Amino acid sequence: MINHKRHKRLLKLLDEREHASVQQLMEWLSASAATVRRDISWLAAKNQLTRTRGGAQRLEQKKKSYTLSSETFQNNAQQNTAAKRAIARYATSMCNNGETIIINGGTTTFMMAEFLVEKQLKILTNSFLMAERLLVTSDNEIILPGGKVYREQNVILSPFENDVAQHHYAAKMFMGVYGLSILGLMEADPLLIQAEKRLIGQAEELVVLVDSSKFQRKAGLVLCGLNRVSTVITDTGASDSAVQLLEHYGVRVITVEPEHVDPRVVEASAMSSHDYAAVLESGAYHHHHAGLNS
């Protein structure tokens, strides 16, 4: 293995496991003890890891100024999964073949990918994970905007007005938000606000996907007022007062019953597209889903 590739692999292993012995790294990297020790010394000198007695551990990362303040995709994906999957299923049922739609990055909207497999749509999304998944599993036409990839939130955002996204008009935009209140849709990061406002302006109908926990969350930034929202899809855990508030502002509210989520579905959702494609080719994915639906 070439040095830089091995170094990258070693750091990735430490990110996943926090610390490792020389022996463990020898096995994982298929390298000799001398090579592993040289790698540790080199990376420690570059301040990319910390040497320990008999091994190495990852460096404590300070929060960088350019990261988004919103929560990570991985953390959000593990919250309220049963409700999110039911919401995503219903949202997909609103899509008509031949339409152009916008899907904003987020864990609830990402779950739409599973149900979009049989659709024939033009989909503009700033979620590179969703784009990758749909390219593997479906015949939908996928459009990605330009910009910087924020790995932790799984989105592509650009601070510039001039972007490929501005040339696409959509019948519907599907999005999740940090919180929802009488003030409107709430977000936690100014860069998200900037990018999402541009996308909202290019859709005729704004459909918001929020599990019931989002009604209790407050954030300091208002994305848009409730008057811009056409439909909110939430779960049956939403309070009557929250539903009535939305309806008072002319928002159509759909409540869905949370689904049972088989752990295998969550596991499949987290696969890389390479592994996911292998599962599809083997036929195991279709067999698995037939079993779940029976």
C-alpha atoms as a PDB file:
ATOM      1  CA  MET A   1       0.000   0.000   0.000  1.00  0.00           C
ATOM      2  CA  ILE A   2       1.356   3.471  -0.914  1.00  0.00           C
ATOM      3  CA  ASN A   3       2.423   5.562   2.081  1.00  0.00           C
ATOM      4  CA  HIS A   4      -0.220   8.301   1.802  1.00  0.00           C
ATOM      5  CA  LYS A   5      -2.994   5.742   1.344  1.00  0.00           C
ATOM      6  CA  ARG A   6      -1.805   3.805   4.372  1.00  0.00           C
ATOM      7  CA  HIS A   7      -1.587   7.007   6.428  1.00  0.00           C
ATOM      8  CA  LYS A   8      -5.119   7.937   5.420  1.00  0.00           C
ATOM      9  CA  ARG A   9      -6.359   4.444   6.286  1.00  0.00           C
ATOM     10  CA  LEU A  10      -4.568   4.526   9.666  1.00  0.00           C
ATOM     11  CA  LEU A  11      -6.172   7.869  10.585  1.00  0.00           C
ATOM     12  CA  LYS A  12      -9.586   6.606   9.496  1.00  0.00           C
ATOM     13  CA  LEU A  13      -9.179   3.560  11.743  1.00  0.00           C
ATOM     14  CA  LEU A  14      -8.297   5.794  14.670  1.00  0.00           C
ATOM     15  CA  ASP A  15     -11.343   7.988  13.949  1.00  0.00           C
ATOM     16  CA  GLU A  16     -13.511   4.869  14.187  1.00  0.00           C
ATOM     17  CA  ARG A  17     -11.814   3.277  17.211  1.00  0.00           C
ATOM     18  CA  GLU A  18     -10.126   6.247  18.967  1.00  0.00           C
ATOM     19  CA  HIS A  19      -6.987   4.260  19.840  1.00  0.00           C
ATOM     20  CA  ALA A  20      -5.151   1.140  18.647  1.00  0.00           C
ATOM     21  CA  SER A  21      -2.044  -0.882  19.438  1.00  0.00           C
ATOM     22  CA  VAL A  22       0.799  -1.429  16.985  1.00  0.00           C
ATOM     23  CA  GLN A  23      -0.276  -5.081  16.719  1.00  0.00           C
ATOM     24  CA  GLN A  24      -3.842  -4.134  15.789  1.00  0.00           C
ATOM     25  CA  LEU A  25      -2.645  -1.644  13.200  1.00  0.00           C
ATOM     26  CA  MET A  26      -0.291  -4.264  11.718  1.00  0.00           C
ATOM     27  CA  GLU A  27      -3.271  -6.596  11.175  1.00  0.00           C
ATOM     28  CA  TRP A  28      -5.652  -3.924   9.862  1.00  0.00           C
ATOM     29  CA  LEU A  29      -3.094  -2.389   7.500  1.00  0.00           C
ATOM     30  CA  SER A  30      -1.311  -5.626   6.534  1.00  0.00           C
ATOM     31  CA  ALA A  31       1.975  -3.934   7.391  1.00  0.00           C
ATOM     32  CA  SER A  32       5.063  -4.778   9.436  1.00  0.00           C
ATOM     33  CA  ALA A  33       5.703  -3.480  12.948  1.00  0.00           C
ATOM     34  CA  ALA A  34       8.537  -1.286  11.651  1.00  0.00           C
ATOM     35  CA  THR A  35       6.282   0.252   8.991  1.00  0.00           C
ATOM     36  CA  VAL A  36       3.472   0.945  11.468  1.00  0.00           C
ATOM     37  CA  ARG A  37       5.877   2.567  13.947  1.00  0.00           C
ATOM     38  CA  ARG A  38       7.331   4.754  11.173  1.00  0.00           C
ATOM     39  CA  ASP A  39       3.814   5.778  10.142  1.00  0.00           C
ATOM     40  CA  ILE A  40       2.885   6.645  13.747  1.00  0.00           C
ATOM     41  CA  SER A  41       6.075   8.716  14.171  1.00  0.00           C
ATOM     42  CA  TRP A  42       5.506  10.546  10.870  1.00  0.00           C
ATOM     43  CA  LEU A  43       1.838  11.334  11.599  1.00  0.00           C
ATOM     44  CA  ALA A  44       2.629  12.364  15.181  1.00  0.00           C
ATOM     45  CA  ALA A  45       5.247  14.795  13.861  1.00  0.00           C
ATOM     46  CA  LYS A  46       2.557  16.238  11.572  1.00  0.00           C
ATOM     47  CA  ASN A  47       0.258  16.606  14.613  1.00  0.00           C
ATOM     48  CA  GLN A  48      -2.315  14.222  13.105  1.00  0.00           C
ATOM     49  CA  LEU A  49      -2.342  11.666  15.935  1.00  0.00           C
ATOM     50  CA  THR A  50      -0.963  11.159  19.447  1.00  0.00           C
ATOM     51  CA  ARG A  51       1.611   8.457  20.186  1.00  0.00           C
ATOM     52  CA  THR A  52       0.820   6.196  23.132  1.00  0.00           C
ATOM     53  CA  ARG A  53       2.745   3.449  24.859  1.00  0.00           C
ATOM     54  CA  GLY A  54       2.515   0.598  22.344  1.00  0.00           C
ATOM     55  CA  GLY A  55       0.296   2.325  19.824  1.00  0.00           C
ATOM     56  CA  ALA A  56      -1.522   5.539  18.876  1.00  0.00           C
ATOM     57  CA  GLN A  57      -4.740   7.404  19.508  1.00  0.00           C
ATOM     58  CA  ARG A  58      -6.645   9.975  17.546  1.00  0.00           C
ATOM     59  CA  LEU A  59      -6.080  13.635  18.193  1.00  0.00           C
ATOM     60  CA  GLU A  60      -8.805  15.494  20.062  1.00  0.00           C
ATOM     61  CA  GLN A  61     -10.300  17.660  17.350  1.00  0.00           C
ATOM     62  CA  LYS A  62     -11.219  21.224  18.163  1.00  0.00           C
ATOM     63  CA  LYS A  63     -14.359  22.397  16.448  1.00  0.00           C
ATOM     64  CA  LYS A  64     -13.279  24.159  13.282  1.00  0.00           C
ATOM     65  CA  SER A  65     -14.772  27.531  12.474  1.00  0.00           C
ATOM     66  CA  TYR A  66     -15.976  26.375   9.043  1.00  0.00           C
ATOM     67  CA  THR A  67     -18.114  23.492  10.288  1.00  0.00           C
ATOM     68  CA  LEU A  68     -21.865  23.856  10.432  1.00  0.00           C
ATOM     69  CA  SER A  69     -23.402  24.341  13.848  1.00  0.00           C
ATOM     70  CA  SER A  70     -26.281  21.990  13.034  1.00  0.00           C
ATOM     71  CA  GLU A  71     -26.248  18.421  14.323  1.00  0.00           C
ATOM     72  CA  THR A  72     -24.462  15.665  12.433  1.00  0.00           C
ATOM     73  CA  PHE A  73     -26.287  13.430   9.969  1.00  0.00           C
ATOM     74  CA  GLN A  74     -25.111  10.330  11.840  1.00  0.00           C
ATOM     75  CA  ASN A  75     -26.538  11.507  15.179  1.00  0.00           C
ATOM     76  CA  ASN A  76     -29.838  12.586  13.659  1.00  0.00           C
ATOM     77  CA  ALA A  77     -30.216   9.320  11.726  1.00  0.00           C
ATOM     78  CA  GLN A  78     -30.533   7.392  14.987  1.00  0.00           C
ATOM     79  CA  GLN A  79     -33.332   9.548  16.400  1.00  0.00           C
ATOM     80  CA  ASN A  80     -37.073   8.831  15.912  1.00  0.00           C
ATOM     81  CA  THR A  81     -36.380   6.424  13.049  1.00  0.00           C
ATOM     82  CA  ALA A  82     -39.830   4.807  13.059  1.00  0.00           C
ATOM     83  CA  ALA A  83     -41.593   8.149  12.660  1.00  0.00           C
ATOM     84  CA  LYS A  84     -39.140   9.433  10.052  1.00  0.00           C
ATOM     85  CA  ARG A  85     -39.533   6.371   7.852  1.00  0.00           C
ATOM     86  CA  ALA A  86     -43.333   6.640   7.857  1.00  0.00           C
ATOM     87  CA  ILE A  87     -43.097  10.363   7.050  1.00  0.00           C
ATOM     88  CA  ALA A  88     -40.648   9.677   4.200  1.00  0.00           C
ATOM     89  CA  ARG A  89     -42.910   6.981   2.751  1.00  0.00           C
ATOM     90  CA  TYR A  90     -45.902   9.337   2.681  1.00  0.00           C
ATOM     91  CA  ALA A  91     -43.828  12.178   1.199  1.00  0.00           C
ATOM     92  CA  THR A  92     -42.736   9.924  -1.664  1.00  0.00           C
ATOM     93  CA  SER A  93     -46.368   9.074  -2.406  1.00  0.00           C
ATOM     94  CA  MET A  94     -46.878  12.769  -3.231  1.00  0.00           C
ATOM     95  CA  CYS A  95     -44.380  12.587  -6.116  1.00  0.00           C
ATOM     96  CA  ASN A  96     -45.786  12.059  -9.601  1.00  0.00           C
ATOM     97  CA  ASN A  97     -43.696  10.520 -12.368  1.00  0.00           C
ATOM     98  CA  GLY A  98     -42.305  13.140 -14.721  1.00  0.00           C
ATOM     99  CA  GLU A  99     -42.130  15.886 -12.077  1.00  0.00           C
ATOM    100  CA  THR A 100     -39.071  17.879 -11.095  1.00  0.00           C
ATOM    101  CA  ILE A 101     -38.662  17.936  -7.335  1.00  0.00           C
ATOM    102  CA  ILE A 102     -36.138  19.334  -4.864  1.00  0.00           C
ATOM    103  CA  ILE A 103     -35.058  17.270  -1.858  1.00  0.00           C
ATOM    104  CA  ASN A 104     -33.082  19.108   0.775  1.00  0.00           C
ATOM    105  CA  GLY A 105     -30.438  17.181   2.727  1.00  0.00           C
ATOM    106  CA  GLY A 106     -31.513  15.647   6.040  1.00  0.00           C
ATOM    107  CA  THR A 107     -32.121  12.294   7.694  1.00  0.00           C
ATOM    108  CA  THR A 108     -35.899  12.205   7.157  1.00  0.00           C
ATOM    109  CA  THR A 109     -35.642  13.291   3.536  1.00  0.00           C
ATOM    110  CA  PHE A 110     -32.813  10.781   2.971  1.00  0.00           C
ATOM    111  CA  MET A 111     -35.212   7.981   3.928  1.00  0.00           C
ATOM    112  CA  MET A 112     -37.255   8.912   0.852  1.00  0.00           C
ATOM    113  CA  ALA A 113     -34.502   7.296  -1.265  1.00  0.00           C
ATOM    114  CA  GLU A 114     -35.772   3.797  -0.448  1.00  0.00           C
ATOM    115  CA  PHE A 115     -39.261   4.629  -1.735  1.00  0.00           C
ATOM    116  CA  LEU A 116     -38.117   6.622  -4.775  1.00  0.00           C
ATOM    117  CA  VAL A 117     -36.608   3.532  -6.405  1.00  0.00           C
ATOM    118  CA  GLU A 118     -39.592   2.900  -8.695  1.00  0.00           C
ATOM    119  CA  LYS A 119     -40.207   6.567  -9.560  1.00  0.00           C
ATOM    120  CA  GLN A 120     -39.250   8.428 -12.747  1.00  0.00           C
ATOM    121  CA  LEU A 121     -38.409  11.939 -11.570  1.00  0.00           C
ATOM    122  CA  LYS A 122     -35.915  14.720 -12.070  1.00  0.00           C
ATOM    123  CA  ILE A 123     -34.470  15.260  -8.586  1.00  0.00           C
ATOM    124  CA  LEU A 124     -32.367  18.207  -7.511  1.00  0.00           C
ATOM    125  CA  THR A 125     -30.765  17.448  -4.143  1.00  0.00           C
ATOM    126  CA  ASN A 126     -27.950  18.924  -2.079  1.00  0.00           C
ATOM    127  CA  SER A 127     -27.497  15.583  -0.280  1.00  0.00           C
ATOM    128  CA  PHE A 128     -24.576  13.785  -1.912  1.00  0.00           C
ATOM    129  CA  LEU A 129     -25.492  10.617   0.016  1.00  0.00           C
ATOM    130  CA  MET A 130     -29.011  10.637  -1.441  1.00  0.00           C
ATOM    131  CA  ALA A 131     -27.675  11.360  -4.927  1.00  0.00           C
ATOM    132  CA  GLU A 132     -25.236   8.467  -4.697  1.00  0.00           C
ATOM    133  CA  ARG A 133     -27.915   6.092  -3.383  1.00  0.00           C
ATOM    134  CA  LEU A 134     -30.449   7.007  -6.070  1.00  0.00           C
ATOM    135  CA  LEU A 135     -27.866   6.651  -8.838  1.00  0.00           C
ATOM    136  CA  VAL A 136     -27.240   3.090  -7.656  1.00  0.00           C
ATOM    137  CA  THR A 137     -30.838   2.042  -7.024  1.00  0.00           C
ATOM    138  CA  SER A 138     -33.063   3.981  -9.437  1.00  0.00           C
ATOM    139  CA  ASP A 139     -33.477   5.489 -12.904  1.00  0.00           C
ATOM    140  CA  ASN A 140     -34.325   8.952 -11.565  1.00  0.00           C
ATOM    141  CA  GLU A 141     -32.420  11.859 -13.122  1.00  0.00           C
ATOM    142  CA  ILE A 142     -30.211  13.400 -10.435  1.00  0.00           C
ATOM    143  CA  ILE A 143     -28.937  16.983 -10.317  1.00  0.00           C
ATOM    144  CA  LEU A 144     -26.434  18.237  -7.739  1.00  0.00           C
ATOM    145  CA  PRO A 145     -25.650  21.884  -6.985  1.00  0.00           C
ATOM    146  CA  GLY A 146     -22.079  23.136  -6.789  1.00  0.00           C
ATOM    147  CA  GLY A 147     -20.435  24.024  -3.506  1.00  0.00           C
ATOM    148  CA  LYS A 148     -18.564  22.678  -0.536  1.00  0.00           C
ATOM    149  CA  VAL A 149     -19.294  19.235   0.902  1.00  0.00           C
ATOM    150  CA  TYR A 150     -20.011  19.259   4.635  1.00  0.00           C
ATOM    151  CA  ARG A 151     -19.360  15.644   5.555  1.00  0.00           C
ATOM    152  CA  GLU A 152     -20.904  15.659   9.029  1.00  0.00           C
ATOM    153  CA  GLN A 153     -24.238  16.982   7.777  1.00  0.00           C
ATOM    154  CA  ASN A 154     -24.046  15.206   4.395  1.00  0.00           C
ATOM    155  CA  VAL A 155     -24.903  18.336   2.395  1.00  0.00           C
ATOM    156  CA  ILE A 156     -23.414  20.413  -0.407  1.00  0.00           C
ATOM    157  CA  LEU A 157     -23.702  24.137   0.240  1.00  0.00           C
ATOM    158  CA  SER A 158     -22.513  27.162  -1.691  1.00  0.00           C
ATOM    159  CA  PRO A 159     -22.375  30.753  -0.437  1.00  0.00           C
ATOM    160  CA  PHE A 160     -22.689  32.019  -4.017  1.00  0.00           C
ATOM    161  CA  GLU A 161     -25.877  33.041  -5.771  1.00  0.00           C
ATOM    162  CA  ASN A 162     -24.785  31.819  -9.201  1.00  0.00           C
ATOM    163  CA  ASP A 163     -25.257  28.057  -9.088  1.00  0.00           C
ATOM    164  CA  VAL A 164     -26.622  25.330 -11.365  1.00  0.00           C
ATOM    165  CA  ALA A 165     -29.564  24.937  -8.963  1.00  0.00           C
ATOM    166  CA  GLN A 166     -30.961  28.351  -9.921  1.00  0.00           C
ATOM    167  CA  HIS A 167     -31.855  27.096 -13.403  1.00  0.00           C
ATOM    168  CA  HIS A 168     -34.209  24.373 -12.164  1.00  0.00           C
ATOM    169  CA  TYR A 169     -37.833  24.967 -11.240  1.00  0.00           C
ATOM    170  CA  ALA A 170     -39.625  22.329  -9.172  1.00  0.00           C
ATOM    171  CA  ALA A 171     -43.246  21.416  -8.556  1.00  0.00           C
ATOM    172  CA  LYS A 172     -42.398  20.442  -4.964  1.00  0.00           C
ATOM    173  CA  MET A 173     -39.575  20.842  -2.494  1.00  0.00           C
ATOM    174  CA  PHE A 174     -39.226  18.370   0.374  1.00  0.00           C
ATOM    175  CA  MET A 175     -37.231  19.422   3.382  1.00  0.00           C
ATOM    176  CA  GLY A 176     -36.684  18.832   7.073  1.00  0.00           C
ATOM    177  CA  VAL A 177     -35.854  21.598   9.553  1.00  0.00           C
ATOM    178  CA  TYR A 178     -34.235  21.979  12.964  1.00  0.00           C
ATOM    179  CA  GLY A 179     -37.475  23.189  14.543  1.00  0.00           C
ATOM    180  CA  LEU A 180     -40.954  24.463  13.783  1.00  0.00           C
ATOM    181  CA  SER A 181     -42.889  27.144  15.690  1.00  0.00           C
ATOM    182  CA  ILE A 182     -45.389  29.991  15.319  1.00  0.00           C
ATOM    183  CA  LEU A 183     -42.512  32.041  13.858  1.00  0.00           C
ATOM    184  CA  GLY A 184     -42.069  29.510  11.049  1.00  0.00           C
ATOM    185  CA  LEU A 185     -39.331  27.092  10.043  1.00  0.00           C
ATOM    186  CA  MET A 186     -36.260  27.332  12.259  1.00  0.00           C
ATOM    187  CA  GLU A 187     -32.634  26.501  11.485  1.00  0.00           C
ATOM    188  CA  ALA A 188     -29.460  26.562  13.565  1.00  0.00           C
ATOM    189  CA  ASP A 189     -26.893  27.712  11.006  1.00  0.00           C
ATOM    190  CA  PRO A 190     -26.738  30.862   8.806  1.00  0.00           C
ATOM    191  CA  LEU A 191     -25.152  29.005   5.877  1.00  0.00           C
ATOM    192  CA  LEU A 192     -28.034  26.506   5.829  1.00  0.00           C
ATOM    193  CA  ILE A 193     -30.505  29.407   5.838  1.00  0.00           C
ATOM    194  CA  GLN A 194     -28.760  31.036   2.896  1.00  0.00           C
ATOM    195  CA  ALA A 195     -28.711  27.893   0.748  1.00  0.00           C
ATOM    196  CA  GLU A 196     -32.222  26.723   1.671  1.00  0.00           C
ATOM    197  CA  LYS A 197     -33.845  30.090   0.944  1.00  0.00           C
ATOM    198  CA  ARG A 198     -32.568  29.906  -2.625  1.00  0.00           C
ATOM    199  CA  LEU A 199     -33.989  26.408  -3.091  1.00  0.00           C
ATOM    200  CA  ILE A 200     -37.350  27.336  -1.551  1.00  0.00           C
ATOM    201  CA  GLY A 201     -37.654  30.169  -4.060  1.00  0.00           C
ATOM    202  CA  GLN A 202     -37.486  27.661  -6.915  1.00  0.00           C
ATOM    203  CA  ALA A 203     -40.348  25.405  -5.788  1.00  0.00           C
ATOM    204  CA  GLU A 204     -44.075  25.910  -6.205  1.00  0.00           C
ATOM    205  CA  GLU A 205     -45.039  23.811  -3.196  1.00  0.00           C
ATOM    206  CA  LEU A 206     -43.008  23.478   0.018  1.00  0.00           C
ATOM    207  CA  VAL A 207     -43.495  20.193   1.877  1.00  0.00           C
ATOM    208  CA  VAL A 208     -41.904  19.991   5.333  1.00  0.00           C
ATOM    209  CA  LEU A 209     -41.039  16.621   6.879  1.00  0.00           C
ATOM    210  CA  VAL A 210     -40.784  16.834  10.677  1.00  0.00           C
ATOM    211  CA  ASP A 211     -41.194  14.228  13.374  1.00  0.00           C
ATOM    212  CA  SER A 212     -43.158  15.408  16.411  1.00  0.00           C
ATOM    213  CA  SER A 213     -40.016  16.151  18.468  1.00  0.00           C
ATOM    214  CA  LYS A 214     -39.272  19.135  16.203  1.00  0.00           C
ATOM    215  CA  PHE A 215     -42.250  21.078  17.569  1.00  0.00           C
ATOM    216  CA  GLN A 216     -40.476  21.456  20.923  1.00  0.00           C
ATOM    217  CA  ARG A 217     -37.160  22.658  19.466  1.00  0.00           C
ATOM    218  CA  LYS A 218     -36.173  26.301  19.340  1.00  0.00           C
ATOM    219  CA  ALA A 219     -33.452  27.860  17.228  1.00  0.00           C
ATOM    220  CA  GLY A 220     -32.334  31.424  16.773  1.00  0.00           C
ATOM    221  CA  LEU A 221     -32.759  31.652  12.997  1.00  0.00           C
ATOM    222  CA  VAL A 222     -36.010  31.801  11.036  1.00  0.00           C
ATOM    223  CA  LEU A 223     -35.835  30.287   7.554  1.00  0.00           C
ATOM    224  CA  CYS A 224     -39.321  31.331   6.436  1.00  0.00           C
ATOM    225  CA  GLY A 225     -42.792  31.959   7.807  1.00  0.00           C
ATOM    226  CA  LEU A 226     -45.568  29.379   7.961  1.00  0.00           C
ATOM    227  CA  ASN A 227     -47.325  31.195   5.111  1.00  0.00           C
ATOM    228  CA  ARG A 228     -44.718  29.779   2.696  1.00  0.00           C
ATOM    229  CA  VAL A 229     -45.390  26.168   3.778  1.00  0.00           C
ATOM    230  CA  SER A 230     -47.928  24.145   1.797  1.00  0.00           C
ATOM    231  CA  THR A 231     -47.866  20.862   3.718  1.00  0.00           C
ATOM    232  CA  VAL A 232     -46.358  19.499   6.915  1.00  0.00           C
ATOM    233  CA  ILE A 233     -46.006  15.733   7.274  1.00  0.00           C
ATOM    234  CA  THR A 234     -45.472  14.644  10.865  1.00  0.00           C
ATOM    235  CA  ASP A 235     -46.228  11.668  13.092  1.00  0.00           C
ATOM    236  CA  THR A 236     -49.169  11.010  15.381  1.00  0.00           C
ATOM    237  CA  GLY A 237     -47.097  12.139  18.377  1.00  0.00           C
ATOM    238  CA  ALA A 238     -47.676  15.783  17.379  1.00  0.00           C
ATOM    239  CA  SER A 239     -49.954  17.581  19.851  1.00  0.00           C
ATOM    240  CA  ASP A 240     -53.417  18.776  18.827  1.00  0.00           C
ATOM    241  CA  SER A 241     -52.394  22.361  19.599  1.00  0.00           C
ATOM    242  CA  ALA A 242     -49.387  22.116  17.251  1.00  0.00           C
ATOM    243  CA  VAL A 243     -51.556  20.732  14.437  1.00  0.00           C
ATOM    244  CA  GLN A 244     -54.246  23.366  15.020  1.00  0.00           C
ATOM    245  CA  LEU A 245     -51.660  26.149  14.948  1.00  0.00           C
ATOM    246  CA  LEU A 246     -50.421  25.032  11.552  1.00  0.00           C
ATOM    247  CA  GLU A 247     -53.917  24.650  10.167  1.00  0.00           C
ATOM    248  CA  HIS A 248     -54.779  28.127  11.448  1.00  0.00           C
ATOM    249  CA  TYR A 249     -52.042  29.460   9.172  1.00  0.00           C
ATOM    250  CA  GLY A 250     -53.416  27.562   6.193  1.00  0.00           C
ATOM    251  CA  VAL A 251     -50.926  24.700   6.316  1.00  0.00           C
ATOM    252  CA  ARG A 252     -52.192  21.265   5.344  1.00  0.00           C
ATOM    253  CA  VAL A 253     -51.108  18.785   8.049  1.00  0.00           C
ATOM    254  CA  ILE A 254     -50.676  15.058   7.444  1.00  0.00           C
ATOM    255  CA  THR A 255     -50.065  12.814  10.468  1.00  0.00           C
ATOM    256  CA  VAL A 256     -48.768   9.283   9.972  1.00  0.00           C
ATOM    257  CA  GLU A 257     -48.388   6.358  12.333  1.00  0.00           C
ATOM    258  CA  PRO A 258     -44.715   5.513  13.059  1.00  0.00           C
ATOM    259  CA  GLU A 259     -43.603   2.285  11.390  1.00  0.00           C
ATOM    260  CA  HIS A 260     -41.846  -0.673  12.885  1.00  0.00           C
ATOM    261  CA  VAL A 261     -38.269  -0.418  11.659  1.00  0.00           C
ATOM    262  CA  ASP A 262     -36.365  -3.646  11.210  1.00  0.00           C
ATOM    263  CA  PRO A 263     -32.710  -3.192  12.289  1.00  0.00           C
ATOM    264  CA  ARG A 264     -31.648  -4.615   8.926  1.00  0.00           C
ATOM    265  CA  VAL A 265     -33.274  -1.653   7.159  1.00  0.00           C
ATOM    266  CA  VAL A 266     -31.269   0.778   9.271  1.00  0.00           C
ATOM    267  CA  GLU A 267     -28.122  -1.233   8.610  1.00  0.00           C
ATOM    268  CA  ALA A 268     -28.763  -1.240   4.850  1.00  0.00           C
ATOM    269  CA  SER A 269     -29.393   2.497   4.929  1.00  0.00           C
ATOM    270  CA  ALA A 270     -25.954   3.086   6.414  1.00  0.00           C
ATOM    271  CA  MET A 271     -24.120   1.043   3.752  1.00  0.00           C
ATOM    272  CA  SER A 272     -21.801   2.667   1.288  1.00  0.00           C
ATOM    273  CA  SER A 273     -23.215   2.697  -2.220  1.00  0.00           C
ATOM    274  CA  HIS A 274     -20.567   0.168  -3.280  1.00  0.00           C
ATOM    275  CA  ASP A 275     -21.777  -2.332  -0.665  1.00  0.00           C
ATOM    276  CA  TYR A 276     -25.389  -1.421  -1.346  1.00  0.00           C
ATOM    277  CA  ALA A 277     -24.918  -2.156  -5.042  1.00  0.00           C
ATOM    278  CA  ALA A 278     -23.426  -5.544  -4.211  1.00  0.00           C
ATOM    279  CA  VAL A 279     -26.477  -6.368  -2.098  1.00  0.00           C
ATOM    280  CA  LEU A 280     -28.779  -5.332  -4.943  1.00  0.00           C
ATOM    281  CA  GLU A 281     -26.910  -7.428  -7.485  1.00  0.00           C
ATOM    282  CA  SER A 282     -27.065 -10.467  -5.241  1.00  0.00           C
ATOM    283  CA  GLY A 283     -30.848 -10.142  -4.992  1.00  0.00           C
ATOM    284  CA  ALA A 284     -30.637 -10.227  -1.188  1.00  0.00           C
ATOM    285  CA  TYR A 285     -32.064  -6.705  -0.847  1.00  0.00           C
ATOM    286  CA  HIS A 286     -35.237  -7.552  -2.762  1.00  0.00           C
ATOM    287  CA  HIS A 287     -35.636 -10.830  -0.908  1.00  0.00           C
ATOM    288  CA  HIS A 288     -35.146  -9.016   2.390  1.00  0.00           C
ATOM    289  CA  HIS A 289     -37.783  -6.409   1.569  1.00  0.00           C
ATOM    290  CA  ALA A 290     -40.245  -9.024   0.398  1.00  0.00           C
ATOM    291  CA  GLY A 291     -39.843 -10.640   3.798  1.00  0.00           C
ATOM    292  CA  LEU A 292     -40.434  -7.365   5.617  1.00  0.00           C
ATOM    293  CA  ASN A 293     -43.535  -6.544   3.624  1.00  0.00           C
ATOM    294  CA  SER A 294     -45.163  -9.910   4.048  1.00  0.00           C
END
